[in-house]
Amino acid sequence: MFADRIDAGRRLAAHLAGRTYENGLVVAIPRGGVVVGAEIARALQLPLDIIIPRKIGAPHNPELAIGAVTQDGTAIFNEELLRHFHLPEEIRERLVAAAVAETSRRLQLYRHGKPQPSWRDRTIILTDDGIATGYTVLAALRSLRRANPKKIILAVPVAPPDTIEFLEPEVDELVCLLVPEVFLAVGQFYYHFDQTSDEEVIALLEELGPKAQ
């Protein structure tokens, strides 16, 4: 169990310490992942950035994720669900466009108009406060890989075994502190799992973003 996201971030940072991260950058998934990422960034003395994967909901059932997309339009879909819903290409394109528009809006909010730092040739530590199915994280990893980083390390506090197996081929290294066989939700592994606010995310990026280094 983790006390809260700060505790999870510090424990991850301790696991990652004692190494050199050439041209390193911590990339966190908002909102809760930014609190975790901030502790890693502080401990390793690396800048903090964000990536915003967003799930793509099924038509007429937006809570059911049929895929995920990131701000650059990198999209992945659950092929089995696509076949089930018989979604034509134009519907998929519309769903992706709507999700990208929302991630762009949130990026503007969090970055305050500051440009995205380059991910090229960097050692990137991607983090979140935990992973359930892994689809949004997969979209983030595919998006990061398109930027040609030197190395991608996925570092998270908790994820179920099948998700770890699903994501491991996508990264150069995977660090996960807890891999429980019985997994219902990320929040069950935290004593305190209150929602992180937009204001907290903005403040942490102001403090630890690349321009602050």
C-alpha atoms as a PDB file:
ATOM      1  CA  MET A   1       0.000   0.000   0.000  1.00  0.00           C
ATOM      2  CA  PHE A   2       1.059   3.578  -0.679  1.00  0.00           C
ATOM      3  CA  ALA A   3       0.179   6.407   1.674  1.00  0.00           C
ATOM      4  CA  ASP A   4      -0.565   8.731  -1.245  1.00  0.00           C
ATOM      5  CA  ARG A   5       0.840   9.727  -4.630  1.00  0.00           C
ATOM      6  CA  ILE A   6       3.756  11.590  -3.045  1.00  0.00           C
ATOM      7  CA  ASP A   7       4.766   8.431  -1.182  1.00  0.00           C
ATOM      8  CA  ALA A   8       4.447   6.382  -4.398  1.00  0.00           C
ATOM      9  CA  GLY A   9       6.597   8.881  -6.292  1.00  0.00           C
ATOM     10  CA  ARG A  10       9.297   8.884  -3.632  1.00  0.00           C
ATOM     11  CA  ARG A  11       9.421   5.111  -3.528  1.00  0.00           C
ATOM     12  CA  LEU A  12       9.706   4.956  -7.316  1.00  0.00           C
ATOM     13  CA  ALA A  13      12.429   7.628  -7.215  1.00  0.00           C
ATOM     14  CA  ALA A  14      14.385   5.584  -4.667  1.00  0.00           C
ATOM     15  CA  HIS A  15      14.180   2.583  -6.983  1.00  0.00           C
ATOM     16  CA  LEU A  16      15.414   4.662  -9.941  1.00  0.00           C
ATOM     17  CA  ALA A  17      18.174   6.492  -8.049  1.00  0.00           C
ATOM     18  CA  GLY A  18      21.894   5.887  -8.399  1.00  0.00           C
ATOM     19  CA  ARG A  19      21.924   5.890 -12.191  1.00  0.00           C
ATOM     20  CA  THR A  20      22.683   8.402 -14.906  1.00  0.00           C
ATOM     21  CA  TYR A  21      19.813   9.389 -17.209  1.00  0.00           C
ATOM     22  CA  GLU A  22      21.417  10.924 -20.272  1.00  0.00           C
ATOM     23  CA  ASN A  23      19.395  13.948 -21.399  1.00  0.00           C
ATOM     24  CA  GLY A  24      16.718  12.700 -19.008  1.00  0.00           C
ATOM     25  CA  LEU A  25      13.111  13.843 -18.830  1.00  0.00           C
ATOM     26  CA  VAL A  26      10.221  12.697 -16.639  1.00  0.00           C
ATOM     27  CA  VAL A  27       6.961  12.592 -18.603  1.00  0.00           C
ATOM     28  CA  ALA A  28       3.825  12.207 -16.480  1.00  0.00           C
ATOM     29  CA  ILE A  29       0.201  11.467 -17.327  1.00  0.00           C
ATOM     30  CA  PRO A  30      -2.182  14.020 -15.743  1.00  0.00           C
ATOM     31  CA  ARG A  31      -3.592  14.468 -13.392  1.00  0.00           C
ATOM     32  CA  GLY A  32      -2.510  12.088 -10.631  1.00  0.00           C
ATOM     33  CA  GLY A  33       0.580  10.927 -12.471  1.00  0.00           C
ATOM     34  CA  VAL A  34       2.011  14.441 -12.320  1.00  0.00           C
ATOM     35  CA  VAL A  35       2.220  14.252  -8.502  1.00  0.00           C
ATOM     36  CA  VAL A  36       4.109  10.957  -8.807  1.00  0.00           C
ATOM     37  CA  GLY A  37       6.299  12.343 -11.591  1.00  0.00           C
ATOM     38  CA  ALA A  38       7.132  15.478  -9.618  1.00  0.00           C
ATOM     39  CA  GLU A  39       8.714  13.415  -6.838  1.00  0.00           C
ATOM     40  CA  ILE A  40      10.769  11.445  -9.375  1.00  0.00           C
ATOM     41  CA  ALA A  41      11.841  14.656 -11.114  1.00  0.00           C
ATOM     42  CA  ARG A  42      12.889  16.272  -7.834  1.00  0.00           C
ATOM     43  CA  ALA A  43      14.844  13.252  -6.604  1.00  0.00           C
ATOM     44  CA  LEU A  44      16.646  12.618  -9.906  1.00  0.00           C
ATOM     45  CA  GLN A  45      17.024  16.351 -10.662  1.00  0.00           C
ATOM     46  CA  LEU A  46      15.307  16.011 -14.011  1.00  0.00           C
ATOM     47  CA  PRO A  47      12.742  18.288 -15.697  1.00  0.00           C
ATOM     48  CA  LEU A  48       9.069  17.327 -15.723  1.00  0.00           C
ATOM     49  CA  ASP A  49       6.793  17.231 -18.759  1.00  0.00           C
ATOM     50  CA  ILE A  50       3.353  15.801 -19.524  1.00  0.00           C
ATOM     51  CA  ILE A  51       1.636  13.688 -22.139  1.00  0.00           C
ATOM     52  CA  ILE A  52      -2.155  13.400 -22.245  1.00  0.00           C
ATOM     53  CA  PRO A  53      -3.572  10.131 -23.556  1.00  0.00           C
ATOM     54  CA  ARG A  54      -7.353  10.118 -23.646  1.00  0.00           C
ATOM     55  CA  LYS A  55      -9.653   7.154 -23.964  1.00  0.00           C
ATOM     56  CA  ILE A  56     -11.965   6.948 -26.962  1.00  0.00           C
ATOM     57  CA  GLY A  57     -15.449   5.995 -25.821  1.00  0.00           C
ATOM     58  CA  ALA A  58     -17.866   3.865 -27.793  1.00  0.00           C
ATOM     59  CA  PRO A  59     -20.701   5.691 -29.590  1.00  0.00           C
ATOM     60  CA  HIS A  60     -23.725   5.962 -27.254  1.00  0.00           C
ATOM     61  CA  ASN A  61     -21.592   4.478 -24.422  1.00  0.00           C
ATOM     62  CA  PRO A  62     -18.678   6.868 -23.818  1.00  0.00           C
ATOM     63  CA  GLU A  63     -17.623   5.117 -20.588  1.00  0.00           C
ATOM     64  CA  LEU A  64     -16.687   2.016 -22.571  1.00  0.00           C
ATOM     65  CA  ALA A  65     -13.175   2.554 -23.922  1.00  0.00           C
ATOM     66  CA  ILE A  66     -12.693   1.210 -27.433  1.00  0.00           C
ATOM     67  CA  GLY A  67      -9.283   2.831 -27.785  1.00  0.00           C
ATOM     68  CA  ALA A  68      -7.095   5.760 -26.797  1.00  0.00           C
ATOM     69  CA  VAL A  69      -5.381   8.716 -28.439  1.00  0.00           C
ATOM     70  CA  THR A  70      -2.707  11.299 -27.564  1.00  0.00           C
ATOM     71  CA  GLN A  71      -2.276  14.951 -28.472  1.00  0.00           C
ATOM     72  CA  ASP A  72      -0.360  14.222 -31.686  1.00  0.00           C
ATOM     73  CA  GLY A  73      -3.186  12.015 -32.983  1.00  0.00           C
ATOM     74  CA  THR A  74      -1.500   8.689 -32.195  1.00  0.00           C
ATOM     75  CA  ALA A  75      -4.477   6.354 -31.748  1.00  0.00           C
ATOM     76  CA  ILE A  76      -4.854   2.709 -30.804  1.00  0.00           C
ATOM     77  CA  PHE A  77      -8.059   0.689 -30.884  1.00  0.00           C
ATOM     78  CA  ASN A  78      -9.334  -2.509 -29.325  1.00  0.00           C
ATOM     79  CA  GLU A  79      -9.856  -4.464 -32.541  1.00  0.00           C
ATOM     80  CA  GLU A  80     -12.322  -6.869 -30.941  1.00  0.00           C
ATOM     81  CA  LEU A  81     -14.575  -3.984 -29.840  1.00  0.00           C
ATOM     82  CA  LEU A  82     -14.255  -2.324 -33.239  1.00  0.00           C
ATOM     83  CA  ARG A  83     -15.558  -5.474 -34.863  1.00  0.00           C
ATOM     84  CA  HIS A  84     -18.354  -5.709 -32.295  1.00  0.00           C
ATOM     85  CA  PHE A  85     -19.567  -2.156 -32.957  1.00  0.00           C
ATOM     86  CA  HIS A  86     -18.952  -2.293 -36.733  1.00  0.00           C
ATOM     87  CA  LEU A  87     -17.521   1.225 -36.639  1.00  0.00           C
ATOM     88  CA  PRO A  88     -16.846   2.697 -40.088  1.00  0.00           C
ATOM     89  CA  GLU A  89     -13.658   4.648 -40.712  1.00  0.00           C
ATOM     90  CA  GLU A  90     -15.382   8.049 -40.742  1.00  0.00           C
ATOM     91  CA  ILE A  91     -16.866   7.462 -37.278  1.00  0.00           C
ATOM     92  CA  ARG A  92     -13.458   6.457 -35.910  1.00  0.00           C
ATOM     93  CA  GLU A  93     -11.881   9.562 -37.402  1.00  0.00           C
ATOM     94  CA  ARG A  94     -14.546  11.747 -35.796  1.00  0.00           C
ATOM     95  CA  LEU A  95     -14.007  10.115 -32.379  1.00  0.00           C
ATOM     96  CA  VAL A  96     -10.237  10.582 -32.656  1.00  0.00           C
ATOM     97  CA  ALA A  97     -10.613  14.230 -33.690  1.00  0.00           C
ATOM     98  CA  ALA A  98     -12.879  14.963 -30.714  1.00  0.00           C
ATOM     99  CA  ALA A  99     -10.451  13.315 -28.290  1.00  0.00           C
ATOM    100  CA  VAL A 100      -7.446  15.154 -29.774  1.00  0.00           C
ATOM    101  CA  ALA A 101      -9.295  18.467 -29.457  1.00  0.00           C
ATOM    102  CA  GLU A 102      -9.873  17.804 -25.747  1.00  0.00           C
ATOM    103  CA  THR A 103      -6.229  16.853 -25.113  1.00  0.00           C
ATOM    104  CA  SER A 104      -5.127  20.027 -26.912  1.00  0.00           C
ATOM    105  CA  ARG A 105      -7.431  22.092 -24.694  1.00  0.00           C
ATOM    106  CA  ARG A 106      -5.981  20.511 -21.558  1.00  0.00           C
ATOM    107  CA  LEU A 107      -2.405  21.005 -22.783  1.00  0.00           C
ATOM    108  CA  GLN A 108      -3.069  24.698 -23.270  1.00  0.00           C
ATOM    109  CA  LEU A 109      -4.476  24.851 -19.752  1.00  0.00           C
ATOM    110  CA  TYR A 110      -1.536  23.048 -18.151  1.00  0.00           C
ATOM    111  CA  ARG A 111       1.297  24.562 -20.197  1.00  0.00           C
ATOM    112  CA  HIS A 112      -0.072  28.120 -20.236  1.00  0.00           C
ATOM    113  CA  GLY A 113       0.897  28.365 -23.897  1.00  0.00           C
ATOM    114  CA  LYS A 114       4.506  27.241 -23.384  1.00  0.00           C
ATOM    115  CA  PRO A 115       5.872  25.056 -26.202  1.00  0.00           C
ATOM    116  CA  GLN A 116       6.337  21.333 -25.737  1.00  0.00           C
ATOM    117  CA  PRO A 117       9.973  20.376 -25.123  1.00  0.00           C
ATOM    118  CA  SER A 118      11.561  18.024 -27.609  1.00  0.00           C
ATOM    119  CA  TRP A 119      11.443  14.332 -26.716  1.00  0.00           C
ATOM    120  CA  ARG A 120      13.993  13.411 -29.378  1.00  0.00           C
ATOM    121  CA  ASP A 121      17.229  11.721 -28.200  1.00  0.00           C
ATOM    122  CA  ARG A 122      16.118  11.881 -24.571  1.00  0.00           C
ATOM    123  CA  THR A 123      15.985   9.229 -21.871  1.00  0.00           C
ATOM    124  CA  ILE A 124      12.307   9.419 -20.957  1.00  0.00           C
ATOM    125  CA  ILE A 125      10.789   8.127 -17.730  1.00  0.00           C
ATOM    126  CA  LEU A 126       7.044   7.813 -18.331  1.00  0.00           C
ATOM    127  CA  THR A 127       4.953   7.603 -15.181  1.00  0.00           C
ATOM    128  CA  ASP A 128       1.410   7.572 -13.841  1.00  0.00           C
ATOM    129  CA  ASP A 129      -0.113   6.824 -10.428  1.00  0.00           C
ATOM    130  CA  GLY A 130      -0.922   3.284 -11.597  1.00  0.00           C
ATOM    131  CA  ILE A 131      -2.154   1.359 -14.621  1.00  0.00           C
ATOM    132  CA  ALA A 132      -5.324  -0.694 -15.051  1.00  0.00           C
ATOM    133  CA  THR A 133      -5.882  -2.003 -18.600  1.00  0.00           C
ATOM    134  CA  GLY A 134      -2.925  -0.156 -20.119  1.00  0.00           C
ATOM    135  CA  TYR A 135      -4.614   1.175 -23.255  1.00  0.00           C
ATOM    136  CA  THR A 136      -4.096   4.878 -22.527  1.00  0.00           C
ATOM    137  CA  VAL A 137      -0.497   4.207 -21.471  1.00  0.00           C
ATOM    138  CA  LEU A 138       0.064   2.252 -24.675  1.00  0.00           C
ATOM    139  CA  ALA A 139      -1.115   5.253 -26.703  1.00  0.00           C
ATOM    140  CA  ALA A 140       1.309   7.453 -24.740  1.00  0.00           C
ATOM    141  CA  LEU A 141       4.196   5.050 -25.353  1.00  0.00           C
ATOM    142  CA  ARG A 142       3.491   4.856 -29.092  1.00  0.00           C
ATOM    143  CA  SER A 143       3.348   8.659 -29.252  1.00  0.00           C
ATOM    144  CA  LEU A 144       6.642   9.008 -27.375  1.00  0.00           C
ATOM    145  CA  ARG A 145       8.300   6.398 -29.595  1.00  0.00           C
ATOM    146  CA  ARG A 146       7.374   8.409 -32.693  1.00  0.00           C
ATOM    147  CA  ALA A 147       9.505  11.264 -31.328  1.00  0.00           C
ATOM    148  CA  ASN A 148      12.653   9.066 -31.494  1.00  0.00           C
ATOM    149  CA  PRO A 149      13.802   9.191 -27.866  1.00  0.00           C
ATOM    150  CA  LYS A 150      17.042   7.514 -26.826  1.00  0.00           C
ATOM    151  CA  LYS A 151      15.289   5.270 -24.311  1.00  0.00           C
ATOM    152  CA  ILE A 152      11.843   4.881 -22.710  1.00  0.00           C
ATOM    153  CA  ILE A 153      11.503   3.687 -19.122  1.00  0.00           C
ATOM    154  CA  LEU A 154       7.963   3.054 -17.883  1.00  0.00           C
ATOM    155  CA  ALA A 155       7.928   3.510 -14.090  1.00  0.00           C
ATOM    156  CA  VAL A 156       4.674   3.099 -12.151  1.00  0.00           C
ATOM    157  CA  PRO A 157       3.683   2.218  -8.591  1.00  0.00           C
ATOM    158  CA  VAL A 158       1.180  -0.528  -9.389  1.00  0.00           C
ATOM    159  CA  ALA A 159      -0.298  -2.541 -12.277  1.00  0.00           C
ATOM    160  CA  PRO A 160      -1.766  -6.031 -12.718  1.00  0.00           C
ATOM    161  CA  PRO A 161       0.387  -8.823 -14.203  1.00  0.00           C
ATOM    162  CA  ASP A 162      -1.421  -9.044 -17.561  1.00  0.00           C
ATOM    163  CA  THR A 163      -1.013  -5.302 -18.123  1.00  0.00           C
ATOM    164  CA  ILE A 164       2.713  -5.523 -17.355  1.00  0.00           C
ATOM    165  CA  GLU A 165       3.021  -8.359 -19.879  1.00  0.00           C
ATOM    166  CA  PHE A 166       1.016  -6.311 -22.407  1.00  0.00           C
ATOM    167  CA  LEU A 167       3.221  -3.195 -22.087  1.00  0.00           C
ATOM    168  CA  GLU A 168       6.681  -4.692 -21.564  1.00  0.00           C
ATOM    169  CA  PRO A 169       7.458  -5.124 -25.300  1.00  0.00           C
ATOM    170  CA  GLU A 170       6.740  -1.420 -25.849  1.00  0.00           C
ATOM    171  CA  VAL A 171       9.506  -0.085 -23.581  1.00  0.00           C
ATOM    172  CA  ASP A 172      13.233  -0.410 -23.024  1.00  0.00           C
ATOM    173  CA  GLU A 173      12.716  -0.924 -19.307  1.00  0.00           C
ATOM    174  CA  LEU A 174       9.697  -1.354 -17.045  1.00  0.00           C
ATOM    175  CA  VAL A 175       9.686  -0.622 -13.313  1.00  0.00           C
ATOM    176  CA  CYS A 176       6.561  -1.489 -11.308  1.00  0.00           C
ATOM    177  CA  LEU A 177       6.712  -1.660  -7.509  1.00  0.00           C
ATOM    178  CA  LEU A 178       3.528  -3.682  -6.961  1.00  0.00           C
ATOM    179  CA  VAL A 179       2.182  -6.333  -9.346  1.00  0.00           C
ATOM    180  CA  PRO A 180      -0.818  -7.765  -7.473  1.00  0.00           C
ATOM    181  CA  GLU A 181      -2.665 -10.824  -8.709  1.00  0.00           C
ATOM    182  CA  VAL A 182      -5.958  -9.407  -7.419  1.00  0.00           C
ATOM    183  CA  PHE A 183      -6.472  -5.992  -8.986  1.00  0.00           C
ATOM    184  CA  LEU A 184      -9.775  -4.116  -9.018  1.00  0.00           C
ATOM    185  CA  ALA A 185      -8.683  -0.479  -9.331  1.00  0.00           C
ATOM    186  CA  VAL A 186      -5.568   1.640  -8.870  1.00  0.00           C
ATOM    187  CA  GLY A 187      -7.079   3.424  -5.873  1.00  0.00           C
ATOM    188  CA  GLN A 188      -7.308   0.248  -3.784  1.00  0.00           C
ATOM    189  CA  PHE A 189      -3.522   0.360  -3.318  1.00  0.00           C
ATOM    190  CA  TYR A 190      -3.509   3.856  -1.786  1.00  0.00           C
ATOM    191  CA  TYR A 191      -4.629   4.948   1.673  1.00  0.00           C
ATOM    192  CA  HIS A 192      -5.304   8.427   0.283  1.00  0.00           C
ATOM    193  CA  PHE A 193      -6.317   8.740  -3.379  1.00  0.00           C
ATOM    194  CA  ASP A 194      -8.065  12.100  -3.609  1.00  0.00           C
ATOM    195  CA  GLN A 195      -8.471  13.636  -7.044  1.00  0.00           C
ATOM    196  CA  THR A 196      -5.589  15.835  -8.170  1.00  0.00           C
ATOM    197  CA  SER A 197      -6.682  19.307  -9.269  1.00  0.00           C
ATOM    198  CA  ASP A 198      -5.759  21.162 -12.441  1.00  0.00           C
ATOM    199  CA  GLU A 199      -4.209  23.836 -10.219  1.00  0.00           C
ATOM    200  CA  GLU A 200      -1.828  21.268  -8.678  1.00  0.00           C
ATOM    201  CA  VAL A 201      -0.751  20.089 -12.124  1.00  0.00           C
ATOM    202  CA  ILE A 202      -0.123  23.656 -13.302  1.00  0.00           C
ATOM    203  CA  ALA A 203       1.879  24.507 -10.164  1.00  0.00           C
ATOM    204  CA  LEU A 204       4.092  21.423 -10.473  1.00  0.00           C
ATOM    205  CA  LEU A 205       4.806  22.127 -14.141  1.00  0.00           C
ATOM    206  CA  GLU A 206       5.636  25.743 -13.305  1.00  0.00           C
ATOM    207  CA  GLU A 207       8.071  24.513 -10.652  1.00  0.00           C
ATOM    208  CA  LEU A 208       9.652  21.578 -12.450  1.00  0.00           C
ATOM    209  CA  GLY A 209       9.019  22.068 -16.167  1.00  0.00           C
ATOM    210  CA  PRO A 210      11.994  22.259 -18.555  1.00  0.00           C
ATOM    211  CA  LYS A 211      12.002  26.083 -18.499  1.00  0.00           C
ATOM    212  CA  ALA A 212      12.526  25.986 -14.749  1.00  0.00           C
ATOM    213  CA  GLN A 213      15.729  23.955 -15.022  1.00  0.00           C
END
